[in-house]
Amino acid sequence: MVKKKEEEIPEWVTDEIQNAKFKKPEELKKQGYILEFYYEDNKVDVQLYDPVEDGRHIVTMDVPKTIKIDDLLKGEVYEFVFNQHKAPLSKKVSEFLEKEKEIDMKAIYQFDLKSLDLLDVGSSESADEDLEE
């Protein structure tokens, strides 16, 4: 019995994914922290406290040239303002990915960071605790 390559994805699936048409972006504002920097690609992985539309808490965001990645801090709480771009996939592609690859994917998402503010989380609480001691 000859077994088909499991890794092979049909051309019609890759074509649709590569040529997905993104809808008008939705601006979101969520809090979280930076997990990882990708300097060559100008991207960051971010852990959000509240999930994005597809349920994920960890997303990769494109960082604009106006924000210097070197100025950002890992593990510190930020309020991120970003655009969420969504490109729905056809039912045929979604069903193929679910049945053949066990991937539940109805759309492709892209996240573009617009701005971020470092939040001063917990500093007033710890100052109050120090006064009580």
Protein backbone atom coordinates (compact mmCIF):
# COMPACT_ATOMS: atom_id res chain seq x y z
CA MET A 1 0.00 0.00 0.00
CA VAL A 2 1.43 3.38 -1.03
CA LYS A 3 0.84 6.10 1.52
CA LYS A 4 0.26 9.68 0.41
CA LYS A 5 2.54 12.37 1.84
CA GLU A 6 0.76 13.63 4.94
CA GLU A 7 2.36 17.08 4.74
CA GLU A 8 1.06 17.79 1.25
CA ILE A 9 -1.57 20.51 0.99
CA PRO A 10 -3.38 20.81 -2.34
CA GLU A 11 -2.56 23.80 -4.51
CA TRP A 12 -6.16 25.10 -4.42
CA VAL A 13 -5.91 25.37 -0.60
CA THR A 14 -2.56 27.18 -0.59
CA ASP A 15 -3.74 29.48 -3.41
CA GLU A 16 -6.78 30.59 -1.43
CA ILE A 17 -4.76 31.12 1.76
CA GLN A 18 -2.00 33.09 -0.01
CA ASN A 19 -4.50 35.22 -1.96
CA ALA A 20 -6.96 35.80 0.87
CA LYS A 21 -8.79 39.12 0.66
CA PHE A 22 -8.75 41.04 3.91
CA LYS A 23 -11.80 43.02 4.95
CA LYS A 24 -11.68 46.54 6.41
CA PRO A 25 -9.61 46.39 9.62
CA GLU A 26 -11.19 46.65 13.04
CA GLU A 27 -9.35 48.73 15.65
CA LEU A 28 -9.00 46.98 19.01
CA LYS A 29 -7.62 48.08 22.36
CA LYS A 30 -6.46 45.31 24.71
CA GLN A 31 -4.05 44.90 27.60
CA GLY A 32 -1.30 42.33 27.79
CA TYR A 33 2.46 41.93 27.62
CA ILE A 34 5.20 41.19 25.10
CA LEU A 35 6.53 37.64 24.97
CA GLU A 36 9.06 37.81 22.14
CA PHE A 37 10.73 40.23 19.72
CA TYR A 38 11.41 39.47 16.03
CA TYR A 39 13.81 42.23 15.04
CA GLU A 40 14.39 41.12 11.42
CA ASP A 41 10.65 41.00 10.66
CA ASN A 42 9.72 43.97 12.87
CA LYS A 43 7.15 41.89 14.78
CA VAL A 44 6.33 41.04 18.39
CA ASP A 45 4.47 38.15 20.00
CA VAL A 46 1.96 39.48 22.50
CA GLN A 47 0.01 37.72 25.25
CA LEU A 48 -3.37 39.45 25.63
CA TYR A 49 -5.52 39.17 28.74
CA ASP A 50 -8.72 39.12 26.67
CA PRO A 51 -8.81 36.94 23.53
CA VAL A 52 -9.13 38.21 19.97
CA GLU A 53 -12.09 37.15 17.81
CA ASP A 54 -10.89 33.60 17.11
CA GLY A 55 -10.20 32.89 20.79
CA ARG A 56 -6.42 33.27 20.79
CA HIS A 57 -4.64 35.08 23.59
CA ILE A 58 -1.22 35.03 21.90
CA VAL A 59 -0.87 36.91 18.60
CA THR A 60 1.98 38.15 16.44
CA MET A 61 1.76 41.85 15.61
CA ASP A 62 3.51 43.83 12.91
CA VAL A 63 5.28 46.80 14.49
CA PRO A 64 5.33 50.09 12.54
CA LYS A 65 8.67 51.79 11.89
CA THR A 66 7.56 54.64 14.18
CA ILE A 67 7.86 52.29 17.20
CA LYS A 68 11.38 51.16 18.12
CA ILE A 69 11.36 47.54 19.28
CA ASP A 70 14.49 48.28 21.35
CA ASP A 71 12.40 50.66 23.49
CA LEU A 72 9.87 47.94 24.41
CA LEU A 73 10.02 45.73 27.49
CA LYS A 74 9.20 42.03 27.78
CA GLY A 75 6.80 41.05 30.54
CA GLU A 76 5.61 44.59 31.31
CA VAL A 77 1.89 45.35 30.99
CA TYR A 78 0.94 47.50 28.02
CA GLU A 79 -2.29 48.70 26.52
CA PHE A 80 -2.06 47.80 22.83
CA VAL A 81 -4.03 49.62 20.15
CA PHE A 82 -3.99 47.54 16.97
CA ASN A 83 -5.83 46.79 13.76
CA GLN A 84 -7.24 43.31 13.31
CA HIS A 85 -7.50 42.33 9.65
CA LYS A 86 -9.69 39.34 8.80
CA ALA A 87 -9.85 37.34 5.58
CA PRO A 88 -12.59 34.68 5.68
CA LEU A 89 -11.80 31.30 4.10
CA SER A 90 -14.25 29.42 1.93
CA LYS A 91 -16.27 26.61 3.48
CA LYS A 92 -14.44 24.14 1.21
CA VAL A 93 -10.99 25.20 2.50
CA SER A 94 -12.15 25.31 6.14
CA GLU A 95 -13.61 21.80 5.86
CA PHE A 96 -10.45 20.46 4.18
CA LEU A 97 -8.21 21.89 6.93
CA GLU A 98 -10.48 20.51 9.64
CA LYS A 99 -10.86 17.00 8.18
CA GLU A 100 -7.41 16.45 6.67
CA LYS A 101 -5.15 18.50 8.96
CA GLU A 102 -7.23 18.78 12.15
CA ILE A 103 -6.94 22.57 12.00
CA ASP A 104 -10.02 24.57 12.94
CA MET A 105 -9.58 27.70 10.84
CA LYS A 106 -12.39 29.77 9.34
CA ALA A 107 -10.36 32.89 8.59
CA ILE A 108 -6.86 34.32 8.40
CA TYR A 109 -5.99 37.15 10.76
CA GLN A 110 -3.31 39.79 10.65
CA PHE A 111 -2.55 42.21 13.48
CA ASP A 112 -0.92 45.62 13.00
CA LEU A 113 0.21 47.46 16.10
CA LYS A 114 -0.74 51.15 15.97
CA SER A 115 0.37 52.32 19.41
CA LEU A 116 1.00 51.09 22.92
CA ASP A 117 1.19 52.56 26.39
CA LEU A 118 3.19 51.11 29.25
CA LEU A 119 0.80 50.73 32.19
CA ASP A 120 1.82 51.32 35.78
CA VAL A 121 0.12 48.20 37.12
CA GLY A 122 0.21 47.44 40.83
CA SER A 123 2.57 50.21 41.88
CA SER A 124 -0.04 52.06 43.96
CA GLU A 125 -1.10 48.80 45.65
CA SER A 126 2.46 47.92 46.64
CA ALA A 127 3.03 51.49 47.90
CA ASP A 128 -0.10 51.18 50.09
CA GLU A 129 1.13 47.86 51.48
CA ASP A 130 4.47 49.43 52.37
CA LEU A 131 2.71 52.19 54.34
CA GLU A 132 0.67 49.66 56.34
CA GLU A 133 3.74 47.76 57.58
